[in-house]
Protein backbone atom coordinates (compact mmCIF):
# COMPACT_ATOMS: atom_id res chain seq x y z
CA MET A 1 -0.41 -0.34 -0.19
CA LEU A 2 1.50 3.02 -0.76
CA LYS A 3 -0.38 6.47 0.01
CA PHE A 4 0.85 10.22 -0.56
CA ARG A 5 -1.23 13.15 1.17
CA THR A 6 -2.90 15.38 -1.26
CA GLN A 7 -2.14 18.84 1.42
CA GLY A 8 -4.92 20.86 1.93
CA TYR A 9 -6.66 19.39 -1.40
CA ASN A 10 -9.31 17.57 -2.27
CA GLY A 11 -8.73 14.83 -4.56
CA TYR A 12 -11.71 14.20 -7.29
CA SER A 13 -9.79 12.04 -9.76
CA LEU A 14 -6.59 10.95 -11.32
CA GLN A 15 -5.51 8.28 -13.73
CA PHE A 16 -2.15 6.38 -14.55
CA SER A 17 0.39 7.39 -17.52
CA PRO A 18 -0.99 5.50 -20.32
CA PHE A 19 2.36 4.68 -21.47
CA ILE A 20 4.57 3.89 -17.81
CA GLU A 21 3.84 1.95 -15.32
CA ASN A 22 5.15 4.52 -12.08
CA LYS A 23 3.17 7.95 -13.09
CA ILE A 24 -0.20 8.98 -12.48
CA ALA A 25 -1.56 12.59 -12.74
CA CYS A 26 -4.56 14.03 -9.76
CA ALA A 27 -6.41 16.32 -9.97
CA THR A 28 -7.44 18.14 -6.45
CA SER A 29 -9.49 20.95 -5.51
CA ALA A 30 -8.91 23.42 -2.43
CA ASN A 31 -12.36 23.36 0.37
CA PHE A 32 -13.83 20.47 -1.34
CA GLY A 33 -13.97 22.30 -4.54
CA LEU A 34 -16.71 24.48 -3.69
CA VAL A 35 -14.47 27.51 -3.92
CA GLY A 36 -10.41 28.33 -4.57
CA ASN A 37 -7.65 27.03 -5.83
CA GLY A 38 -7.04 23.40 -8.23
CA ARG A 39 -4.55 21.88 -7.63
CA LEU A 40 -3.05 19.30 -10.15
CA PHE A 41 -0.12 16.31 -9.04
CA VAL A 42 2.20 14.64 -10.86
CA LEU A 43 3.80 11.73 -8.95
CA ASN A 44 5.81 8.36 -9.39
CA THR A 45 5.59 5.86 -7.77
CA GLY A 46 8.56 3.14 -6.39
CA VAL A 47 11.00 5.93 -5.57
CA GLY A 48 11.52 8.36 -2.33
CA PRO A 49 11.74 6.37 0.97
CA GLU A 50 8.01 6.84 1.62
CA GLY A 51 7.82 5.02 -2.34
CA VAL A 52 5.49 8.66 -3.88
CA GLU A 53 7.14 11.16 -5.11
CA VAL A 54 5.68 14.97 -6.60
CA GLU A 55 7.37 15.48 -10.42
CA ARG A 56 5.53 17.91 -10.67
CA ILE A 57 2.95 20.56 -8.89
CA TYR A 58 0.79 22.89 -10.81
CA ASP A 59 -1.64 25.34 -9.45
CA THR A 60 -4.79 26.54 -11.19
CA GLN A 61 -6.90 29.16 -10.21
CA ASP A 62 -10.27 26.87 -9.56
CA GLY A 63 -10.80 23.84 -8.59
CA LEU A 64 -9.22 21.01 -11.13
CA PHE A 65 -12.27 17.89 -11.31
CA ASP A 66 -10.89 15.46 -14.07
CA CYS A 67 -7.98 15.05 -15.68
CA SER A 68 -6.90 12.62 -18.34
CA TRP A 69 -3.05 12.01 -20.42
CA SER A 70 -2.61 12.66 -23.73
CA GLU A 71 -2.52 9.62 -25.78
CA ILE A 72 -0.20 10.45 -28.94
CA ASN A 73 3.00 12.39 -26.02
CA GLU A 74 3.94 10.36 -23.02
CA ASN A 75 4.72 14.08 -21.28
CA GLN A 76 0.95 15.95 -21.80
CA LEU A 77 -2.11 15.83 -20.43
CA VAL A 78 -5.72 17.85 -19.96
CA THR A 79 -7.58 19.16 -17.50
CA ALA A 80 -11.19 20.27 -16.44
CA SER A 81 -11.92 22.75 -14.47
CA GLY A 82 -14.60 24.39 -12.31
CA ASP A 83 -14.52 27.75 -13.92
CA GLY A 84 -14.97 26.07 -17.62
CA SER A 85 -11.71 26.25 -18.66
CA ILE A 86 -9.48 23.20 -20.22
CA LYS A 87 -5.70 23.29 -19.80
CA LEU A 88 -3.33 21.00 -21.80
CA TRP A 89 -0.27 20.60 -19.23
CA ASP A 90 3.87 19.08 -20.80
CA ILE A 91 4.82 18.06 -17.56
CA LYS A 92 8.67 19.32 -19.15
CA LEU A 93 8.33 22.53 -18.87
CA THR A 94 6.75 23.85 -14.88
CA GLU A 95 4.34 26.44 -14.11
CA PHE A 96 1.95 27.42 -17.26
CA PRO A 97 -0.27 25.40 -19.18
CA ILE A 98 0.93 24.93 -22.52
CA GLN A 99 -3.12 25.22 -24.09
CA ASN A 100 -5.77 26.52 -22.33
CA TRP A 101 -9.49 26.96 -24.00
CA HIS A 102 -12.76 28.16 -21.80
CA GLU A 103 -15.36 27.51 -23.92
CA HIS A 104 -17.76 25.90 -21.19
CA SER A 105 -19.86 27.96 -20.17
CA ARG A 106 -19.93 25.73 -16.02
CA GLU A 107 -17.79 23.52 -14.17
CA VAL A 108 -16.07 20.78 -16.28
CA PHE A 109 -16.46 17.68 -15.04
CA SER A 110 -14.74 15.10 -17.56
CA VAL A 111 -12.04 14.37 -20.21
CA GLN A 112 -10.87 11.67 -21.18
CA TRP A 113 -8.46 11.31 -24.86
CA ASN A 114 -9.27 9.67 -27.35
CA PHE A 115 -7.67 5.62 -27.26
CA ILE A 116 -7.65 4.91 -30.67
CA LYS A 117 -7.46 7.91 -32.35
CA LYS A 118 -5.40 9.38 -30.35
CA ASP A 119 -4.80 12.72 -31.46
CA THR A 120 -8.39 14.16 -29.74
CA PHE A 121 -10.29 14.12 -26.66
CA ILE A 122 -13.72 14.82 -25.13
CA SER A 123 -14.91 16.58 -22.26
CA GLY A 124 -18.32 16.83 -20.91
CA SER A 125 -19.87 19.49 -18.64
CA TRP A 126 -22.80 21.06 -16.48
CA ASP A 127 -23.42 23.04 -19.08
CA HIS A 128 -25.57 20.01 -20.47
CA SER A 129 -23.14 20.36 -23.68
CA ILE A 130 -20.13 17.96 -25.13
CA LYS A 131 -16.95 19.08 -26.67
CA LEU A 132 -14.63 17.22 -29.32
CA TRP A 133 -11.52 18.47 -29.06
CA THR A 134 -7.83 18.77 -30.84
CA PRO A 135 -4.59 19.88 -29.13
CA GLU A 136 -3.52 21.52 -32.91
CA ARG A 137 -6.62 24.39 -32.72
CA SER A 138 -7.49 26.60 -30.28
CA GLN A 139 -11.17 25.73 -30.31
CA SER A 140 -13.44 22.92 -29.86
CA LEU A 141 -13.96 21.05 -33.90
CA THR A 142 -17.90 20.11 -32.54
CA THR A 143 -20.25 20.15 -29.97
CA PHE A 144 -22.79 18.82 -29.12
CA ASN A 145 -25.58 20.63 -26.37
CA ILE A 146 -29.33 19.71 -28.22
CA GLU A 147 -30.12 16.53 -25.72
CA HIS A 148 -28.82 16.47 -22.19
CA THR A 149 -31.04 18.22 -20.03
CA ASN A 150 -28.63 18.17 -17.03
CA CYS A 151 -25.09 18.24 -16.15
CA VAL A 152 -23.14 16.09 -18.37
CA TYR A 153 -21.08 14.02 -15.96
CA ASN A 154 -18.34 11.33 -17.51
CA THR A 155 -17.39 11.09 -21.12
CA ILE A 156 -16.33 8.24 -22.17
CA TRP A 157 -14.98 6.61 -25.58
CA SER A 158 -15.29 2.99 -26.98
CA PRO A 159 -11.96 1.03 -26.94
CA TYR A 160 -13.42 -0.16 -29.98
CA ASN A 161 -14.40 1.83 -32.38
CA ALA A 162 -12.56 5.58 -32.39
CA ASP A 163 -15.72 7.40 -33.21
CA LEU A 164 -18.33 6.31 -30.31
CA PHE A 165 -18.31 8.14 -26.68
CA GLY A 166 -21.11 7.86 -24.13
CA SER A 167 -21.92 10.30 -21.89
CA ALA A 168 -23.97 9.84 -18.14
CA SER A 169 -25.49 13.09 -17.28
CA GLY A 170 -28.05 13.99 -14.25
CA ASP A 171 -30.74 14.01 -16.32
CA GLN A 172 -31.58 9.85 -15.62
CA THR A 173 -29.73 9.41 -18.98
CA VAL A 174 -26.86 7.04 -20.79
CA LYS A 175 -25.91 8.98 -24.57
CA ILE A 176 -23.71 7.46 -27.13
CA TRP A 177 -22.50 9.13 -30.04
CA ASP A 178 -20.92 8.86 -32.61
CA THR A 179 -18.64 12.25 -33.13
CA LYS A 180 -19.26 11.96 -37.37
CA LEU A 181 -23.44 12.68 -36.79
CA PRO A 182 -24.79 15.94 -34.09
CA HIS A 183 -26.62 13.78 -32.83
CA SER A 184 -26.99 10.50 -30.34
CA ILE A 185 -27.90 7.33 -32.24
CA GLN A 186 -28.43 4.92 -28.79
CA THR A 187 -30.46 6.01 -25.32
CA ILE A 188 -31.04 4.80 -21.83
CA ILE A 189 -32.89 5.84 -19.48
CA ALA A 190 -30.55 3.48 -17.29
CA HIS A 191 -31.62 4.78 -13.68
CA PRO A 192 -35.06 6.25 -13.46
CA GLY A 193 -35.81 9.12 -11.31
CA PHE A 194 -31.43 9.23 -10.41
CA GLU A 195 -29.09 11.28 -12.10
CA ILE A 196 -25.95 8.50 -13.86
CA LEU A 197 -22.44 9.97 -12.55
CA SER A 198 -20.45 7.84 -14.27
CA MET A 199 -19.97 4.60 -16.44
CA ASP A 200 -17.31 2.79 -18.07
CA TRP A 201 -17.10 1.04 -21.34
CA ASN A 202 -16.26 -3.17 -20.52
CA LYS A 203 -12.21 -3.45 -22.56
CA TYR A 204 -13.14 -6.74 -23.81
CA GLN A 205 -16.94 -6.52 -24.96
CA GLU A 206 -17.41 -4.31 -27.26
CA ASN A 207 -21.50 -4.05 -25.84
CA ILE A 208 -21.05 -3.39 -22.66
CA ILE A 209 -21.23 -0.95 -20.90
CA ILE A 210 -20.59 -0.36 -17.35
CA THR A 211 -23.17 2.84 -14.94
CA ALA A 212 -22.71 4.37 -11.86
CA SER A 213 -25.89 6.18 -10.36
CA THR A 214 -27.07 8.03 -7.37
CA ASP A 215 -29.42 5.13 -6.95
CA LYS A 216 -26.32 3.63 -4.35
CA SER A 217 -26.10 0.40 -7.82
CA LEU A 218 -24.31 -0.32 -10.50
CA LYS A 219 -25.43 -1.16 -13.32
CA VAL A 220 -24.34 -3.80 -15.83
CA TRP A 221 -25.88 -3.06 -20.31
CA ASP A 222 -25.87 -4.87 -22.79
CA LEU A 223 -26.54 -1.89 -26.53
CA ARG A 224 -28.16 -4.32 -28.99
CA ARG A 225 -30.10 -5.10 -26.12
CA PRO A 226 -31.22 -1.92 -24.21
CA ASP A 227 -34.37 -1.87 -22.10
CA ILE A 228 -32.98 -4.01 -19.90
CA GLU A 229 -30.26 -3.98 -17.45
CA LEU A 230 -27.55 -7.93 -17.79
CA LEU A 231 -27.59 -7.44 -14.06
CA CYS A 232 -28.13 -4.26 -10.80
CA LEU A 233 -25.10 -4.63 -8.12
CA ARG A 234 -26.16 -3.32 -5.30
CA GLY A 235 -23.59 -2.97 -1.60
CA HIS A 236 -22.35 1.12 -2.26
CA GLU A 237 -24.78 2.34 1.08
CA TYR A 238 -25.21 6.54 -0.75
CA ALA A 239 -24.46 7.20 -4.41
CA VAL A 240 -21.59 5.36 -7.14
CA ARG A 241 -19.13 8.29 -8.38
CA ARG A 242 -17.49 6.15 -10.79
CA VAL A 243 -17.26 2.90 -12.02
CA LYS A 244 -13.72 1.36 -14.01
CA CYS A 245 -13.81 -1.57 -15.81
CA SER A 246 -10.36 -3.67 -15.94
CA PRO A 247 -7.92 -3.92 -18.62
CA HIS A 248 -6.87 -6.97 -17.40
CA ASN A 249 -9.53 -9.04 -17.19
CA VAL A 250 -13.39 -9.30 -18.32
CA ASN A 251 -15.61 -9.59 -15.67
CA ILE A 252 -13.36 -7.62 -13.19
CA ILE A 253 -14.62 -3.81 -12.09
CA ALA A 254 -14.27 -1.90 -9.58
CA SER A 255 -16.55 1.77 -7.51
CA VAL A 256 -15.63 3.93 -5.76
CA SER A 257 -18.61 6.05 -4.12
CA TYR A 258 -19.69 9.05 -1.43
CA ASP A 259 -20.14 5.99 0.94
CA MET A 260 -15.97 6.64 1.58
CA THR A 261 -15.61 2.52 0.19
CA MET A 262 -13.79 1.30 -3.72
CA ARG A 263 -15.36 -2.07 -4.10
CA ILE A 264 -14.67 -4.46 -6.76
CA TRP A 265 -16.98 -7.01 -8.96
CA ASP A 266 -17.43 -10.08 -10.42
CA ILE A 267 -19.59 -9.85 -13.16
CA SER A 268 -19.72 -13.09 -14.36
CA ARG A 269 -20.90 -14.50 -10.21
CA GLN A 270 -24.50 -13.22 -10.76
CA SER A 271 -25.72 -14.18 -7.87
CA ASN A 272 -22.95 -13.14 -5.69
CA PRO A 273 -20.51 -10.20 -7.99
CA LEU A 274 -19.25 -8.56 -4.80
CA VAL A 275 -15.59 -9.18 -4.90
CA GLU A 276 -13.90 -7.24 -2.18
CA VAL A 277 -14.10 -3.94 -0.07
CA TYR A 278 -11.46 -1.25 0.44
CA ASP A 279 -12.80 1.01 2.87
CA GLY A 280 -9.69 2.75 3.84
CA HIS A 281 -10.36 6.50 3.14
CA THR A 282 -12.17 8.73 5.55
CA GLU A 283 -13.82 10.98 2.82
CA PHE A 284 -16.00 10.42 -0.55
CA VAL A 285 -13.71 8.42 -2.93
CA LEU A 286 -15.00 10.00 -6.06
CA GLY A 287 -11.08 8.82 -7.87
CA LEU A 288 -10.38 5.85 -9.55
CA ASP A 289 -7.93 4.19 -11.74
CA PHE A 290 -6.82 0.53 -12.69
CA ASN A 291 -2.34 0.65 -13.51
CA LEU A 292 -2.33 -0.65 -17.30
CA TYR A 293 1.34 -1.93 -16.76
CA ILE A 294 1.11 -4.36 -13.48
CA GLU A 295 -2.49 -6.24 -12.85
CA GLY A 296 -4.11 -5.66 -10.68
CA GLN A 297 -2.69 -2.25 -9.19
CA ILE A 298 -5.29 0.10 -8.43
CA ALA A 299 -5.24 3.88 -7.16
CA THR A 300 -7.99 6.10 -5.70
CA CYS A 301 -8.30 9.23 -4.08
CA ALA A 302 -10.30 11.56 -1.48
CA TRP A 303 -11.74 13.65 0.02
CA ASP A 304 -9.80 12.68 2.78
CA GLU A 305 -6.75 14.28 1.28
CA ASN A 306 -4.93 10.61 -0.01
CA ILE A 307 -4.45 9.29 -2.53
CA HIS A 308 -3.61 5.16 -1.80
CA ILE A 309 -2.29 3.15 -3.95
CA PHE A 310 -2.32 -1.09 -3.74
CA GLN A 311 -3.46 -4.55 -4.84
CA PRO A 312 -6.24 -5.37 -3.41
CA PRO A 313 -5.75 -9.01 -1.60
CA ALA A 314 -8.44 -10.78 -3.79
CA PHE A 315 -5.92 -9.96 -6.89
CA LEU A 316 -3.12 -11.21 -4.82
CA SER A 317 -4.71 -14.37 -4.76
């Protein structure tokens, strides 16, 4: 177990580098993201007396809610900010972002780089819109803003189709989009009456997605048969903030929640899918990621100003 203190800043999101196995970035906000500055931490694990050392710290004028590493340049990453801005950073340079976009009119809650095309990324905002970007342009490529009727909390690329992405919204829906089309191609009212805070795409089955909601549940969906979920995962005691599918196992997913836990699920075990509960945090857990290079290694960040990096016992066995 490695731990790092984000002193004075509450963790919102983190991501392992897609290039370097021991590098991780974490987006944080002062004062729980309600008011004040943000801070981006770039950390290296497996070094120093505590096992985690800071490579870079970048301060921003408003809170940071998400971050995503570039899939084309190992030194670059984007951040999503509470002031509606998106910033591109290069960790070989100090202090200032190399690009700053400001088109969203409210908090940007999600950014994700395209796994396949590698030269674009997507953002989702509380202004109900989604935008497609490339680092080479000073304006967005496309805006999708005519369908969601509430905050867009999460935007996720398909790992199979370079033009497909999904969005999770406070309007109770998940939508699937094709970047070549102005309208969504599919809508699922996934958690009727409740906000959807997160979604992820199964890395081994192109039609399987997972949704996470304020109704405390996660649901497994087959996009070919969206009338009813394949599986509903219950166990969290409060809203589920984020879900991630394992990059190494078709059946393993992890989730974090306002109940201060991280849970691991095996969706092949329909009668008893809960594998493990990690309750090492003392505040809301909002950030979660799997390490692509170290099978079974997970990182979490929380409002308790801590990042935890560990391999759950279920994976070790």
